[in-house]
Structures are given as C-alpha cells and as structure tokens.
Amino acid sequence: MAINYWAIFLSFVINLMKRYSSKLCSLILLKVYTKETPEITEYRNQLKCLREEKSSINPMDNFAKYALVDRKINKLVEKLKENKSSTQSDRMKVMMYINVVFTILTVVLSLLLIWSNYSKPIIDFSSLLDKSDLGELNIFFPLNKMLAFPNKNGNNSIGVTAWLLIANRFIDIVLNKINAIKILKD
C-alpha cells in the first residue's frame, strides 16, 4: 500500500487554514492592535477629569458651570466615538488584507497539492490486494474512476481531489464531535 504522507498532511493543513482563517486573522490583529492611540488615551483622561469635576458641582447652585462641563463631556464623547470608529475601520481593513493573504495561501497550497499529485494517487490499495485468476479486483467498483481522479490509470486508489473531499468531511466530523463534547460538559 503506497501512501503519500506529505500530501495527506498538506491536505489537512489546507482544510484547517480554510476553516480557521478568520480566527487566525483575529489573533494576528490582537497582536498588532493591542495599544490604543495616544489621542484616545488623552480623551479618556480628559473625560475622567471632567466627570469628576461634574460630580463635584451642584447643578442647582452652579447650573451654568454644570452645563458647560456637561457640554465639554459631550464633545469629548463624540470625539472619542469618531476616533474609535476610524480605528475600527482601520482594523477591518487590515483584517480584510490578512484574510486575502490566507485565501491566496490556501489556493496556492491547494494548487500545489493538486499539481504535485496529478498523476499519482494519494493512497494506492493495489499492493494490498491479491491478484487472482479472476483478474484485477476493484474494491471501489462503481466509483473507481471517480475516486482515482485525476489519475487516469489508478484502480483501487484515491486521487487528490477525492482525498481533499474525504479530509474535509473527516475534519467536519471530528470538529462536530468535539463541539458536542464541549456542549455536554457545559
């Protein structure tokens, strides 16, 4: 039985990258955008000071001063919201670029896997089967050509395209079982 271990490993990596690219992007963004901008920090400090000042003012006795501080607080809150929204927009742009890089990497690895295993199967079961007087045995009888695709002369083998589908389904099953176990524990 001939097994191409490198292709099997690469197919699992491709499927996992495809499945978890958004989570990887989020982790990368957490490392890149951990600090707030100095403007946001300054606005928060000013806001804290103004709120302390506002709490120390009696609105009945000093209404004008209270209203002035309240207007300053409202302006700072608006500036803080604008600055946060621009920062969030920048983060989303970076996340989109990182997602595009992961998608391109997944496509390139998939094409590399298909190209390098175009003429040879990922798993070949021919050596396991005993040749008998009846001719060559076909363990995947009606599906031989479909499972061996793109390998044209491969009987009793699994080609790269069928293997990618099998690996994808295997990962689905395993992840669903893991999620079911987590749900049961909670």
C-alpha atoms as a PDB file:
ATOM      1  CA  MET A   1       0.000   0.000   0.000  1.00  0.00           C
ATOM      2  CA  ALA A   2       1.532   3.266  -1.128  1.00  0.00           C
ATOM      3  CA  ILE A   3       0.662   6.334   0.920  1.00  0.00           C
ATOM      4  CA  ASN A   4       1.752   9.875   0.189  1.00  0.00           C
ATOM      5  CA  TYR A   5       2.073  11.196   3.751  1.00  0.00           C
ATOM      6  CA  TRP A   6       3.176  14.667   2.658  1.00  0.00           C
ATOM      7  CA  ALA A   7       0.007  15.114   0.593  1.00  0.00           C
ATOM      8  CA  ILE A   8      -2.160  13.891   3.452  1.00  0.00           C
ATOM      9  CA  PHE A   9      -0.545  16.336   5.878  1.00  0.00           C
ATOM     10  CA  LEU A  10      -0.814  19.216   3.392  1.00  0.00           C
ATOM     11  CA  SER A  11      -4.487  18.458   2.731  1.00  0.00           C
ATOM     12  CA  PHE A  12      -5.275  18.661   6.452  1.00  0.00           C
ATOM     13  CA  VAL A  13      -3.319  21.925   6.743  1.00  0.00           C
ATOM     14  CA  ILE A  14      -5.247  23.392   3.800  1.00  0.00           C
ATOM     15  CA  ASN A  15      -8.598  22.386   5.264  1.00  0.00           C
ATOM     16  CA  LEU A  16      -7.738  23.745   8.714  1.00  0.00           C
ATOM     17  CA  MET A  17      -6.431  27.017   7.257  1.00  0.00           C
ATOM     18  CA  LYS A  18      -9.596  27.415   5.232  1.00  0.00           C
ATOM     19  CA  ARG A  19     -11.745  26.700   8.262  1.00  0.00           C
ATOM     20  CA  TYR A  20      -9.885  28.850  10.810  1.00  0.00           C
ATOM     21  CA  SER A  21      -8.557  31.745   8.706  1.00  0.00           C
ATOM     22  CA  SER A  22     -10.850  34.301  10.367  1.00  0.00           C
ATOM     23  CA  LYS A  23      -9.781  33.203  13.851  1.00  0.00           C
ATOM     24  CA  LEU A  24      -6.123  33.399  12.825  1.00  0.00           C
ATOM     25  CA  CYS A  25      -6.758  36.901  11.476  1.00  0.00           C
ATOM     26  CA  SER A  26      -8.303  37.916  14.787  1.00  0.00           C
ATOM     27  CA  LEU A  27      -5.308  36.572  16.706  1.00  0.00           C
ATOM     28  CA  ILE A  28      -2.902  38.455  14.452  1.00  0.00           C
ATOM     29  CA  LEU A  29      -4.924  41.640  14.899  1.00  0.00           C
ATOM     30  CA  LEU A  30      -4.837  41.246  18.668  1.00  0.00           C
ATOM     31  CA  LYS A  31      -1.048  41.193  18.492  1.00  0.00           C
ATOM     32  CA  VAL A  32      -0.849  44.150  16.074  1.00  0.00           C
ATOM     33  CA  TYR A  33      -3.531  46.412  17.577  1.00  0.00           C
ATOM     34  CA  THR A  34      -3.039  45.898  21.287  1.00  0.00           C
ATOM     35  CA  LYS A  35      -2.425  49.522  22.219  1.00  0.00           C
ATOM     36  CA  GLU A  36      -4.822  52.428  21.972  1.00  0.00           C
ATOM     37  CA  THR A  37      -3.793  55.531  20.100  1.00  0.00           C
ATOM     38  CA  PRO A  38      -2.447  58.383  22.236  1.00  0.00           C
ATOM     39  CA  GLU A  39      -5.435  60.518  21.248  1.00  0.00           C
ATOM     40  CA  ILE A  40      -7.917  58.001  22.647  1.00  0.00           C
ATOM     41  CA  THR A  41      -5.941  57.744  25.877  1.00  0.00           C
ATOM     42  CA  GLU A  42      -5.844  61.532  26.180  1.00  0.00           C
ATOM     43  CA  TYR A  43      -9.604  61.799  25.510  1.00  0.00           C
ATOM     44  CA  ARG A  44     -10.314  59.180  28.169  1.00  0.00           C
ATOM     45  CA  ASN A  45      -8.168  61.003  30.738  1.00  0.00           C
ATOM     46  CA  GLN A  46      -9.869  64.320  29.970  1.00  0.00           C
ATOM     47  CA  LEU A  47     -13.270  62.656  30.149  1.00  0.00           C
ATOM     48  CA  LYS A  48     -12.443  61.162  33.531  1.00  0.00           C
ATOM     49  CA  CYS A  49     -11.330  64.544  34.887  1.00  0.00           C
ATOM     50  CA  LEU A  50     -14.432  66.286  33.531  1.00  0.00           C
ATOM     51  CA  ARG A  51     -16.757  63.673  35.006  1.00  0.00           C
ATOM     52  CA  GLU A  52     -15.081  64.074  38.402  1.00  0.00           C
ATOM     53  CA  GLU A  53     -15.472  67.845  38.090  1.00  0.00           C
ATOM     54  CA  LYS A  54     -19.116  67.457  37.065  1.00  0.00           C
ATOM     55  CA  SER A  55     -19.834  65.214  40.045  1.00  0.00           C
ATOM     56  CA  SER A  56     -18.363  67.828  42.389  1.00  0.00           C
ATOM     57  CA  ILE A  57     -20.599  70.617  41.023  1.00  0.00           C
ATOM     58  CA  ASN A  58     -24.066  71.081  42.434  1.00  0.00           C
ATOM     59  CA  PRO A  59     -26.412  71.569  39.433  1.00  0.00           C
ATOM     60  CA  MET A  60     -28.880  73.652  41.465  1.00  0.00           C
ATOM     61  CA  ASP A  61     -26.331  76.185  42.699  1.00  0.00           C
ATOM     62  CA  ASN A  62     -23.978  76.418  39.667  1.00  0.00           C
ATOM     63  CA  PHE A  63     -26.129  75.494  36.706  1.00  0.00           C
ATOM     64  CA  ALA A  64     -24.048  77.459  34.174  1.00  0.00           C
ATOM     65  CA  LYS A  65     -20.799  75.794  35.201  1.00  0.00           C
ATOM     66  CA  TYR A  66     -22.531  72.394  35.335  1.00  0.00           C
ATOM     67  CA  ALA A  67     -23.962  72.839  31.817  1.00  0.00           C
ATOM     68  CA  LEU A  68     -20.564  73.993  30.475  1.00  0.00           C
ATOM     69  CA  VAL A  69     -18.820  70.907  31.850  1.00  0.00           C
ATOM     70  CA  ASP A  70     -21.649  68.741  30.502  1.00  0.00           C
ATOM     71  CA  ARG A  71     -21.180  70.207  27.006  1.00  0.00           C
ATOM     72  CA  LYS A  72     -17.416  69.578  27.200  1.00  0.00           C
ATOM     73  CA  ILE A  73     -18.117  65.962  28.189  1.00  0.00           C
ATOM     74  CA  ASN A  74     -20.496  65.535  25.245  1.00  0.00           C
ATOM     75  CA  LYS A  75     -17.888  66.943  22.815  1.00  0.00           C
ATOM     76  CA  LEU A  76     -15.227  64.591  24.159  1.00  0.00           C
ATOM     77  CA  VAL A  77     -17.570  61.618  23.920  1.00  0.00           C
ATOM     78  CA  GLU A  78     -18.268  62.483  20.257  1.00  0.00           C
ATOM     79  CA  LYS A  79     -14.544  62.845  19.507  1.00  0.00           C
ATOM     80  CA  LEU A  80     -13.881  59.541  21.243  1.00  0.00           C
ATOM     81  CA  LYS A  81     -16.588  57.806  19.179  1.00  0.00           C
ATOM     82  CA  GLU A  82     -15.182  59.245  15.922  1.00  0.00           C
ATOM     83  CA  ASN A  83     -11.653  58.190  16.805  1.00  0.00           C
ATOM     84  CA  LYS A  84     -12.785  54.691  17.803  1.00  0.00           C
ATOM     85  CA  SER A  85     -14.770  54.268  14.590  1.00  0.00           C
ATOM     86  CA  SER A  86     -11.764  55.271  12.469  1.00  0.00           C
ATOM     87  CA  THR A  87      -9.570  52.856  14.429  1.00  0.00           C
ATOM     88  CA  GLN A  88     -12.173  50.118  13.952  1.00  0.00           C
ATOM     89  CA  SER A  89     -12.281  50.878  10.230  1.00  0.00           C
ATOM     90  CA  ASP A  90      -8.500  50.559  10.027  1.00  0.00           C
ATOM     91  CA  ARG A  91      -8.655  47.251  11.883  1.00  0.00           C
ATOM     92  CA  MET A  92     -11.279  45.922   9.488  1.00  0.00           C
ATOM     93  CA  LYS A  93      -9.126  46.902   6.501  1.00  0.00           C
ATOM     94  CA  VAL A  94      -6.115  45.108   7.950  1.00  0.00           C
ATOM     95  CA  MET A  95      -8.274  42.081   8.760  1.00  0.00           C
ATOM     96  CA  MET A  96      -9.540  42.025   5.182  1.00  0.00           C
ATOM     97  CA  TYR A  97      -5.971  42.127   3.822  1.00  0.00           C
ATOM     98  CA  ILE A  98      -4.854  39.339   6.139  1.00  0.00           C
ATOM     99  CA  ASN A  99      -7.898  37.288   5.118  1.00  0.00           C
ATOM    100  CA  VAL A 100      -6.996  37.802   1.449  1.00  0.00           C
ATOM    101  CA  VAL A 101      -3.448  36.621   2.173  1.00  0.00           C
ATOM    102  CA  PHE A 102      -4.772  33.472   3.876  1.00  0.00           C
ATOM    103  CA  THR A 103      -7.140  32.827   0.980  1.00  0.00           C
ATOM    104  CA  ILE A 104      -4.351  33.218  -1.575  1.00  0.00           C
ATOM    105  CA  LEU A 105      -2.095  30.975   0.500  1.00  0.00           C
ATOM    106  CA  THR A 106      -4.838  28.337   0.702  1.00  0.00           C
ATOM    107  CA  VAL A 107      -5.426  28.485  -3.053  1.00  0.00           C
ATOM    108  CA  VAL A 108      -1.696  28.271  -3.816  1.00  0.00           C
ATOM    109  CA  LEU A 109      -1.234  25.311  -1.460  1.00  0.00           C
ATOM    110  CA  SER A 110      -4.281  23.582  -2.956  1.00  0.00           C
ATOM    111  CA  LEU A 111      -2.983  24.080  -6.493  1.00  0.00           C
ATOM    112  CA  LEU A 112       0.459  22.884  -5.427  1.00  0.00           C
ATOM    113  CA  LEU A 113      -1.066  19.770  -3.877  1.00  0.00           C
ATOM    114  CA  ILE A 114      -3.176  19.016  -6.944  1.00  0.00           C
ATOM    115  CA  TRP A 115      -0.341  19.747  -9.368  1.00  0.00           C
ATOM    116  CA  SER A 116       2.227  17.655  -7.495  1.00  0.00           C
ATOM    117  CA  ASN A 117      -0.158  14.690  -7.179  1.00  0.00           C
ATOM    118  CA  TYR A 118      -1.862  14.922 -10.546  1.00  0.00           C
ATOM    119  CA  SER A 119      -0.501  11.703 -11.969  1.00  0.00           C
ATOM    120  CA  LYS A 120      -0.063   9.686  -8.781  1.00  0.00           C
ATOM    121  CA  PRO A 121      -2.636   8.688  -6.182  1.00  0.00           C
ATOM    122  CA  ILE A 122      -2.600   9.791  -2.562  1.00  0.00           C
ATOM    123  CA  ILE A 123      -3.367   6.281  -1.321  1.00  0.00           C
ATOM    124  CA  ASP A 124      -2.946   3.183  -3.507  1.00  0.00           C
ATOM    125  CA  PHE A 125      -4.534  -0.057  -2.296  1.00  0.00           C
ATOM    126  CA  SER A 126      -3.367  -2.182  -5.249  1.00  0.00           C
ATOM    127  CA  SER A 127      -0.434  -3.744  -3.422  1.00  0.00           C
ATOM    128  CA  LEU A 128      -2.744  -4.994  -0.645  1.00  0.00           C
ATOM    129  CA  LEU A 129      -4.998  -6.898  -2.996  1.00  0.00           C
ATOM    130  CA  ASP A 130      -4.025 -10.370  -4.064  1.00  0.00           C
ATOM    131  CA  LYS A 131      -4.163 -10.784  -7.815  1.00  0.00           C
ATOM    132  CA  SER A 132      -6.300 -13.794  -8.570  1.00  0.00           C
ATOM    133  CA  ASP A 133      -7.341 -15.748 -11.627  1.00  0.00           C
ATOM    134  CA  LEU A 134     -10.429 -13.575 -11.922  1.00  0.00           C
ATOM    135  CA  GLY A 135      -8.372 -10.571 -12.969  1.00  0.00           C
ATOM    136  CA  GLU A 136      -7.748  -7.409 -11.074  1.00  0.00           C
ATOM    137  CA  LEU A 137     -10.064  -6.844  -8.118  1.00  0.00           C
ATOM    138  CA  ASN A 138     -11.777  -3.475  -7.879  1.00  0.00           C
ATOM    139  CA  ILE A 139     -12.597  -2.580  -4.289  1.00  0.00           C
ATOM    140  CA  PHE A 140     -14.241   0.694  -5.304  1.00  0.00           C
ATOM    141  CA  PHE A 141     -16.007  -0.929  -8.284  1.00  0.00           C
ATOM    142  CA  PRO A 142     -18.548   1.592  -9.480  1.00  0.00           C
ATOM    143  CA  LEU A 143     -16.569   4.563  -8.219  1.00  0.00           C
ATOM    144  CA  ASN A 144     -13.033   3.574  -9.312  1.00  0.00           C
ATOM    145  CA  LYS A 145     -12.533   6.336 -11.874  1.00  0.00           C
ATOM    146  CA  MET A 146     -14.180   8.997  -9.751  1.00  0.00           C
ATOM    147  CA  LEU A 147     -12.106   8.240  -6.639  1.00  0.00           C
ATOM    148  CA  ALA A 148      -8.870   7.980  -8.627  1.00  0.00           C
ATOM    149  CA  PHE A 149      -9.422  11.267 -10.495  1.00  0.00           C
ATOM    150  CA  PRO A 150      -7.222  12.934 -11.896  1.00  0.00           C
ATOM    151  CA  ASN A 151      -5.072   9.788 -12.043  1.00  0.00           C
ATOM    152  CA  LYS A 152      -6.409   8.038 -15.155  1.00  0.00           C
ATOM    153  CA  ASN A 153      -4.901   4.591 -14.720  1.00  0.00           C
ATOM    154  CA  GLY A 154      -5.429   4.219 -10.987  1.00  0.00           C
ATOM    155  CA  ASN A 155      -7.631   1.365  -9.946  1.00  0.00           C
ATOM    156  CA  ASN A 156      -8.067   0.782  -6.226  1.00  0.00           C
ATOM    157  CA  SER A 157      -6.596   4.179  -5.402  1.00  0.00           C
ATOM    158  CA  ILE A 158      -7.728   7.529  -4.086  1.00  0.00           C
ATOM    159  CA  GLY A 159      -6.717  10.602  -6.060  1.00  0.00           C
ATOM    160  CA  VAL A 160      -6.060  14.083  -4.786  1.00  0.00           C
ATOM    161  CA  THR A 161      -9.500  15.577  -5.453  1.00  0.00           C
ATOM    162  CA  ALA A 162     -11.345  12.757  -3.705  1.00  0.00           C
ATOM    163  CA  TRP A 163      -8.832  12.904  -0.860  1.00  0.00           C
ATOM    164  CA  LEU A 164      -9.472  16.628  -0.348  1.00  0.00           C
ATOM    165  CA  LEU A 165     -13.191  15.896  -0.038  1.00  0.00           C
ATOM    166  CA  ILE A 166     -12.538  12.997   2.348  1.00  0.00           C
ATOM    167  CA  ALA A 167     -10.203  15.108   4.512  1.00  0.00           C
ATOM    168  CA  ASN A 168     -12.724  17.951   4.619  1.00  0.00           C
ATOM    169  CA  ARG A 169     -15.503  15.615   5.706  1.00  0.00           C
ATOM    170  CA  PHE A 170     -13.258  13.940   8.297  1.00  0.00           C
ATOM    171  CA  ILE A 171     -12.404  17.324   9.836  1.00  0.00           C
ATOM    172  CA  ASP A 172     -16.122  18.223   9.900  1.00  0.00           C
ATOM    173  CA  ILE A 173     -16.966  15.040  11.759  1.00  0.00           C
ATOM    174  CA  VAL A 174     -14.137  15.422  14.287  1.00  0.00           C
ATOM    175  CA  LEU A 175     -14.929  19.090  14.994  1.00  0.00           C
ATOM    176  CA  ASN A 176     -18.641  18.337  15.384  1.00  0.00           C
ATOM    177  CA  LYS A 177     -17.832  15.588  17.902  1.00  0.00           C
ATOM    178  CA  ILE A 178     -15.510  17.915  19.817  1.00  0.00           C
ATOM    179  CA  ASN A 179     -18.205  20.638  19.911  1.00  0.00           C
ATOM    180  CA  ALA A 180     -20.780  18.080  21.087  1.00  0.00           C
ATOM    181  CA  ILE A 181     -18.458  17.017  23.905  1.00  0.00           C
ATOM    182  CA  LYS A 182     -17.918  20.665  24.921  1.00  0.00           C
ATOM    183  CA  ILE A 183     -21.667  21.263  24.973  1.00  0.00           C
ATOM    184  CA  LEU A 184     -22.221  18.183  27.140  1.00  0.00           C
ATOM    185  CA  LYS A 185     -19.578  19.327  29.621  1.00  0.00           C
ATOM    186  CA  ASP A 186     -21.168  22.749  29.957  1.00  0.00           C
END
